[in-house]
Amino acid sequence: MAQKKPGLFKLLETIIIILVSILIITNLLYIKDACSTKQCIMTNVLTIILLVWATAFWLVVIKHSDKK
């Protein structure tokens, strides 16, 4: 039988996605306004990629952890 995710877990998932979105937006704004070197831009772009990858990995692990 498939168990439903508790409401608290769903809330945690939503909060993490919101926080990751805020971090990505912050990095994009920083690139636009404050980065003047190639190293700065590269660091922020790689940070965005890492955030997206970590969030996607976490969501896939959680999705497949319910299956047996």
PDB file of N, CA and C in Angstrom:
ATOM      1  N   MET A   1       0.826  -1.192   0.000  1.00  0.00           N
ATOM      2  CA  MET A   1       0.000   0.000   0.000  1.00  0.00           C
ATOM      3  C   MET A   1       0.867   1.252   0.000  1.00  0.00           C
ATOM      4  N   ALA A   2       0.454   2.212  -0.754  1.00  0.00           N
ATOM      5  CA  ALA A   2       1.185   3.469  -0.810  1.00  0.00           C
ATOM      6  C   ALA A   2       0.736   4.362   0.341  1.00  0.00           C
ATOM      7  N   GLN A   3       1.703   4.908   1.058  1.00  0.00           N
ATOM      8  CA  GLN A   3       1.380   5.804   2.158  1.00  0.00           C
ATOM      9  C   GLN A   3       1.424   7.234   1.666  1.00  0.00           C
ATOM     10  N   LYS A   4       0.540   8.044   2.207  1.00  0.00           N
ATOM     11  CA  LYS A   4       0.548   9.462   1.855  1.00  0.00           C
ATOM     12  C   LYS A   4       1.643  10.173   2.656  1.00  0.00           C
ATOM     13  N   LYS A   5       2.239  11.177   2.033  1.00  0.00           N
ATOM     14  CA  LYS A   5       3.256  11.951   2.730  1.00  0.00           C
ATOM     15  C   LYS A   5       2.564  12.783   3.805  1.00  0.00           C
ATOM     16  N   PRO A   6       3.161  12.864   4.976  1.00  0.00           N
ATOM     17  CA  PRO A   6       2.579  13.699   6.022  1.00  0.00           C
ATOM     18  C   PRO A   6       2.561  15.164   5.607  1.00  0.00           C
ATOM     19  N   GLY A   7       1.626  15.898   6.156  1.00  0.00           N
ATOM     20  CA  GLY A   7       1.503  17.316   5.836  1.00  0.00           C
ATOM     21  C   GLY A   7       2.757  18.102   6.159  1.00  0.00           C
ATOM     22  N   LEU A   8       3.436  17.709   7.234  1.00  0.00           N
ATOM     23  CA  LEU A   8       4.656  18.400   7.630  1.00  0.00           C
ATOM     24  C   LEU A   8       5.754  18.212   6.586  1.00  0.00           C
ATOM     25  N   PHE A   9       5.844  17.006   6.016  1.00  0.00           N
ATOM     26  CA  PHE A   9       6.851  16.743   4.987  1.00  0.00           C
ATOM     27  C   PHE A   9       6.565  17.561   3.733  1.00  0.00           C
ATOM     28  N   LYS A  10       5.295  17.643   3.354  1.00  0.00           N
ATOM     29  CA  LYS A  10       4.914  18.434   2.178  1.00  0.00           C
ATOM     30  C   LYS A  10       5.253  19.911   2.407  1.00  0.00           C
ATOM     31  N   LEU A  11       5.044  20.389   3.634  1.00  0.00           N
ATOM     32  CA  LEU A  11       5.392  21.766   3.982  1.00  0.00           C
ATOM     33  C   LEU A  11       6.901  21.983   3.876  1.00  0.00           C
ATOM     34  N   LEU A  12       7.683  21.020   4.361  1.00  0.00           N
ATOM     35  CA  LEU A  12       9.136  21.113   4.266  1.00  0.00           C
ATOM     36  C   LEU A  12       9.593  21.168   2.814  1.00  0.00           C
ATOM     37  N   GLU A  13       8.988  20.332   1.980  1.00  0.00           N
ATOM     38  CA  GLU A  13       9.321  20.322   0.550  1.00  0.00           C
ATOM     39  C   GLU A  13       9.040  21.682  -0.089  1.00  0.00           C
ATOM     40  N   THR A  14       7.901  22.263   0.244  1.00  0.00           N
ATOM     41  CA  THR A  14       7.536  23.576  -0.300  1.00  0.00           C
ATOM     42  C   THR A  14       8.505  24.654   0.176  1.00  0.00           C
ATOM     43  N   ILE A  15       8.864  24.622   1.454  1.00  0.00           N
ATOM     44  CA  ILE A  15       9.786  25.623   2.006  1.00  0.00           C
ATOM     45  C   ILE A  15      11.156  25.517   1.335  1.00  0.00           C
ATOM     46  N   ILE A  16      11.643  24.306   1.133  1.00  0.00           N
ATOM     47  CA  ILE A  16      12.959  24.129   0.498  1.00  0.00           C
ATOM     48  C   ILE A  16      12.939  24.645  -0.938  1.00  0.00           C
ATOM     49  N   ILE A  17      11.870  24.360  -1.671  1.00  0.00           N
ATOM     50  CA  ILE A  17      11.779  24.846  -3.054  1.00  0.00           C
ATOM     51  C   ILE A  17      11.723  26.371  -3.088  1.00  0.00           C
ATOM     52  N   ILE A  18      11.008  26.973  -2.161  1.00  0.00           N
ATOM     53  CA  ILE A  18      10.939  28.441  -2.095  1.00  0.00           C
ATOM     54  C   ILE A  18      12.312  29.025  -1.772  1.00  0.00           C
ATOM     55  N   LEU A  19      13.009  28.436  -0.809  1.00  0.00           N
ATOM     56  CA  LEU A  19      14.335  28.947  -0.436  1.00  0.00           C
ATOM     57  C   LEU A  19      15.348  28.802  -1.568  1.00  0.00           C
ATOM     58  N   VAL A  20      15.308  27.682  -2.265  1.00  0.00           N
ATOM     59  CA  VAL A  20      16.205  27.493  -3.408  1.00  0.00           C
ATOM     60  C   VAL A  20      15.891  28.523  -4.492  1.00  0.00           C
ATOM     61  N   SER A  21      14.611  28.784  -4.718  1.00  0.00           N
ATOM     62  CA  SER A  21      14.220  29.792  -5.710  1.00  0.00           C
ATOM     63  C   SER A  21      14.748  31.170  -5.325  1.00  0.00           C
ATOM     64  N   ILE A  22      14.660  31.507  -4.049  1.00  0.00           N
ATOM     65  CA  ILE A  22      15.175  32.799  -3.574  1.00  0.00           C
ATOM     66  C   ILE A  22      16.686  32.879  -3.784  1.00  0.00           C
ATOM     67  N   LEU A  23      17.400  31.786  -3.498  1.00  0.00           N
ATOM     68  CA  LEU A  23      18.858  31.782  -3.713  1.00  0.00           C
ATOM     69  C   LEU A  23      19.218  31.941  -5.185  1.00  0.00           C
ATOM     70  N   ILE A  24      18.463  31.291  -6.057  1.00  0.00           N
ATOM     71  CA  ILE A  24      18.732  31.411  -7.493  1.00  0.00           C
ATOM     72  C   ILE A  24      18.472  32.837  -7.967  1.00  0.00           C
ATOM     73  N   ILE A  25      17.370  33.432  -7.525  1.00  0.00           N
ATOM     74  CA  ILE A  25      17.056  34.810  -7.906  1.00  0.00           C
ATOM     75  C   ILE A  25      18.127  35.758  -7.384  1.00  0.00           C
ATOM     76  N   THR A  26      18.576  35.545  -6.154  1.00  0.00           N
ATOM     77  CA  THR A  26      19.632  36.381  -5.578  1.00  0.00           C
ATOM     78  C   THR A  26      20.911  36.288  -6.400  1.00  0.00           C
ATOM     79  N   ASN A  27      21.282  35.074  -6.806  1.00  0.00           N
ATOM     80  CA  ASN A  27      22.481  34.902  -7.637  1.00  0.00           C
ATOM     81  C   ASN A  27      22.328  35.593  -8.984  1.00  0.00           C
ATOM     82  N   LEU A  28      21.156  35.471  -9.593  1.00  0.00           N
ATOM     83  CA  LEU A  28      20.931  36.126 -10.887  1.00  0.00           C
ATOM     84  C   LEU A  28      21.019  37.647 -10.759  1.00  0.00           C
ATOM     85  N   LEU A  29      20.435  38.195  -9.695  1.00  0.00           N
ATOM     86  CA  LEU A  29      20.513  39.648  -9.482  1.00  0.00           C
ATOM     87  C   LEU A  29      21.946  40.088  -9.201  1.00  0.00           C
ATOM     88  N   TYR A  30      22.686  39.283  -8.470  1.00  0.00           N
ATOM     89  CA  TYR A  30      24.077  39.615  -8.187  1.00  0.00           C
ATOM     90  C   TYR A  30      24.908  39.606  -9.467  1.00  0.00           C
ATOM     91  N   ILE A  31      24.659  38.621 -10.329  1.00  0.00           N
ATOM     92  CA  ILE A  31      25.365  38.577 -11.615  1.00  0.00           C
ATOM     93  C   ILE A  31      25.061  39.842 -12.414  1.00  0.00           C
ATOM     94  N   LYS A  32      23.799  40.231 -12.411  1.00  0.00           N
ATOM     95  CA  LYS A  32      23.373  41.384 -13.208  1.00  0.00           C
ATOM     96  C   LYS A  32      23.958  42.697 -12.681  1.00  0.00           C
ATOM     97  N   ASP A  33      23.974  42.864 -11.365  1.00  0.00           N
ATOM     98  CA  ASP A  33      24.327  44.159 -10.791  1.00  0.00           C
ATOM     99  C   ASP A  33      25.769  44.282 -10.287  1.00  0.00           C
ATOM    100  N   ALA A  34      26.354  43.211  -9.787  1.00  0.00           N
ATOM    101  CA  ALA A  34      27.618  43.376  -9.074  1.00  0.00           C
ATOM    102  C   ALA A  34      28.805  42.631  -9.679  1.00  0.00           C
ATOM    103  N   CYS A  35      28.577  41.691 -10.539  1.00  0.00           N
ATOM    104  CA  CYS A  35      29.708  40.928 -11.080  1.00  0.00           C
ATOM    105  C   CYS A  35      30.377  41.703 -12.208  1.00  0.00           C
ATOM    106  N   SER A  36      31.678  41.858 -12.065  1.00  0.00           N
ATOM    107  CA  SER A  36      32.415  42.549 -13.115  1.00  0.00           C
ATOM    108  C   SER A  36      33.520  41.682 -13.708  1.00  0.00           C
ATOM    109  N   THR A  37      33.763  40.533 -13.093  1.00  0.00           N
ATOM    110  CA  THR A  37      34.809  39.659 -13.601  1.00  0.00           C
ATOM    111  C   THR A  37      34.210  38.344 -14.082  1.00  0.00           C
ATOM    112  N   LYS A  38      34.970  37.676 -14.931  1.00  0.00           N
ATOM    113  CA  LYS A  38      34.527  36.379 -15.438  1.00  0.00           C
ATOM    114  C   LYS A  38      34.444  35.352 -14.303  1.00  0.00           C
ATOM    115  N   GLN A  39      35.370  35.451 -13.338  1.00  0.00           N
ATOM    116  CA  GLN A  39      35.382  34.522 -12.211  1.00  0.00           C
ATOM    117  C   GLN A  39      34.119  34.682 -11.357  1.00  0.00           C
ATOM    118  N   CYS A  40      33.688  35.891 -11.140  1.00  0.00           N
ATOM    119  CA  CYS A  40      32.477  36.160 -10.364  1.00  0.00           C
ATOM    120  C   CYS A  40      31.250  35.579 -11.064  1.00  0.00           C
ATOM    121  N   ILE A  41      31.147  35.809 -12.339  1.00  0.00           N
ATOM    122  CA  ILE A  41      30.009  35.297 -13.108  1.00  0.00           C
ATOM    123  C   ILE A  41      30.019  33.775 -13.093  1.00  0.00           C
ATOM    124  N   MET A  42      31.175  33.180 -13.309  1.00  0.00           N
ATOM    125  CA  MET A  42      31.287  31.724 -13.344  1.00  0.00           C
ATOM    126  C   MET A  42      30.906  31.106 -11.996  1.00  0.00           C
ATOM    127  N   THR A  43      31.360  31.708 -10.908  1.00  0.00           N
ATOM    128  CA  THR A  43      31.030  31.211  -9.573  1.00  0.00           C
ATOM    129  C   THR A  43      29.532  31.236  -9.335  1.00  0.00           C
ATOM    130  N   ASN A  44      28.878  32.303  -9.718  1.00  0.00           N
ATOM    131  CA  ASN A  44      27.437  32.411  -9.496  1.00  0.00           C
ATOM    132  C   ASN A  44      26.651  31.472 -10.407  1.00  0.00           C
ATOM    133  N   VAL A  45      27.085  31.315 -11.634  1.00  0.00           N
ATOM    134  CA  VAL A  45      26.406  30.386 -12.544  1.00  0.00           C
ATOM    135  C   VAL A  45      26.550  28.954 -12.033  1.00  0.00           C
ATOM    136  N   LEU A  46      27.740  28.593 -11.582  1.00  0.00           N
ATOM    137  CA  LEU A  46      27.953  27.246 -11.044  1.00  0.00           C
ATOM    138  C   LEU A  46      27.161  27.028  -9.750  1.00  0.00           C
ATOM    139  N   THR A  47      27.010  28.064  -8.952  1.00  0.00           N
ATOM    140  CA  THR A  47      26.182  27.964  -7.746  1.00  0.00           C
ATOM    141  C   THR A  47      24.734  27.691  -8.111  1.00  0.00           C
ATOM    142  N   ILE A  48      24.235  28.365  -9.130  1.00  0.00           N
ATOM    143  CA  ILE A  48      22.860  28.143  -9.588  1.00  0.00           C
ATOM    144  C   ILE A  48      22.698  26.704 -10.079  1.00  0.00           C
ATOM    145  N   ILE A  49      23.662  26.235 -10.859  1.00  0.00           N
ATOM    146  CA  ILE A  49      23.598  24.866 -11.372  1.00  0.00           C
ATOM    147  C   ILE A  49      23.617  23.864 -10.211  1.00  0.00           C
ATOM    148  N   LEU A  50      24.463  24.094  -9.217  1.00  0.00           N
ATOM    149  CA  LEU A  50      24.527  23.211  -8.062  1.00  0.00           C
ATOM    150  C   LEU A  50      23.214  23.205  -7.284  1.00  0.00           C
ATOM    151  N   LEU A  51      22.607  24.359  -7.109  1.00  0.00           N
ATOM    152  CA  LEU A  51      21.315  24.439  -6.416  1.00  0.00           C
ATOM    153  C   LEU A  51      20.230  23.663  -7.157  1.00  0.00           C
ATOM    154  N   VAL A  52      20.186  23.826  -8.461  1.00  0.00           N
ATOM    155  CA  VAL A  52      19.178  23.122  -9.263  1.00  0.00           C
ATOM    156  C   VAL A  52      19.423  21.617  -9.203  1.00  0.00           C
ATOM    157  N   TRP A  53      20.685  21.206  -9.339  1.00  0.00           N
ATOM    158  CA  TRP A  53      20.997  19.781  -9.309  1.00  0.00           C
ATOM    159  C   TRP A  53      20.665  19.166  -7.945  1.00  0.00           C
ATOM    160  N   ALA A  54      21.058  19.826  -6.870  1.00  0.00           N
ATOM    161  CA  ALA A  54      20.809  19.288  -5.528  1.00  0.00           C
ATOM    162  C   ALA A  54      19.316  19.179  -5.244  1.00  0.00           C
ATOM    163  N   THR A  55      18.549  20.168  -5.659  1.00  0.00           N
ATOM    164  CA  THR A  55      17.099  20.132  -5.447  1.00  0.00           C
ATOM    165  C   THR A  55      16.467  19.014  -6.268  1.00  0.00           C
ATOM    166  N   ALA A  56      16.857  18.894  -7.525  1.00  0.00           N
ATOM    167  CA  ALA A  56      16.309  17.832  -8.373  1.00  0.00           C
ATOM    168  C   ALA A  56      16.680  16.458  -7.822  1.00  0.00           C
ATOM    169  N   PHE A  57      17.922  16.285  -7.384  1.00  0.00           N
ATOM    170  CA  PHE A  57      18.364  15.014  -6.813  1.00  0.00           C
ATOM    171  C   PHE A  57      17.555  14.683  -5.563  1.00  0.00           C
ATOM    172  N   TRP A  58      17.372  15.670  -4.704  1.00  0.00           N
ATOM    173  CA  TRP A  58      16.602  15.470  -3.477  1.00  0.00           C
ATOM    174  C   TRP A  58      15.164  15.067  -3.787  1.00  0.00           C
ATOM    175  N   LEU A  59      14.544  15.727  -4.751  1.00  0.00           N
ATOM    176  CA  LEU A  59      13.165  15.399  -5.106  1.00  0.00           C
ATOM    177  C   LEU A  59      13.056  13.991  -5.700  1.00  0.00           C
ATOM    178  N   VAL A  60      14.025  13.587  -6.515  1.00  0.00           N
ATOM    179  CA  VAL A  60      14.010  12.243  -7.097  1.00  0.00           C
ATOM    180  C   VAL A  60      14.198  11.186  -6.005  1.00  0.00           C
ATOM    181  N   VAL A  61      15.113  11.424  -5.079  1.00  0.00           N
ATOM    182  CA  VAL A  61      15.344  10.472  -3.989  1.00  0.00           C
ATOM    183  C   VAL A  61      14.083  10.329  -3.135  1.00  0.00           C
ATOM    184  N   ILE A  62      13.452  11.422  -2.814  1.00  0.00           N
ATOM    185  CA  ILE A  62      12.237  11.387  -2.002  1.00  0.00           C
ATOM    186  C   ILE A  62      11.120  10.661  -2.752  1.00  0.00           C
ATOM    187  N   LYS A  63      10.997  10.920  -4.038  1.00  0.00           N
ATOM    188  CA  LYS A  63       9.949  10.284  -4.834  1.00  0.00           C
ATOM    189  C   LYS A  63      10.141   8.768  -4.864  1.00  0.00           C
ATOM    190  N   HIS A  64      11.381   8.329  -5.054  1.00  0.00           N
ATOM    191  CA  HIS A  64      11.650   6.896  -5.172  1.00  0.00           C
ATOM    192  C   HIS A  64      11.810   6.201  -3.826  1.00  0.00           C
ATOM    193  N   SER A  65      11.955   6.959  -2.743  1.00  0.00           N
ATOM    194  CA  SER A  65      12.085   6.326  -1.427  1.00  0.00           C
ATOM    195  C   SER A  65      10.751   5.750  -0.949  1.00  0.00           C
ATOM    196  N   ASP A  66       9.643   6.226  -1.516  1.00  0.00           N
ATOM    197  CA  ASP A  66       8.334   5.716  -1.144  1.00  0.00           C
ATOM    198  C   ASP A  66       8.056   4.363  -1.789  1.00  0.00           C
ATOM    199  N   LYS A  67       8.735   4.078  -2.906  1.00  0.00           N
ATOM    200  CA  LYS A  67       8.528   2.818  -3.615  1.00  0.00           C
ATOM    201  C   LYS A  67       9.341   1.714  -2.967  1.00  0.00           C
ATOM    202  N   LYS A  68       8.825   0.499  -3.052  1.00  0.00           N
ATOM    203  CA  LYS A  68       9.569  -0.636  -2.494  1.00  0.00           C
ATOM    204  C   LYS A  68      10.022  -1.558  -3.578  1.00  0.00           C
TER     205      LYS A  68
END
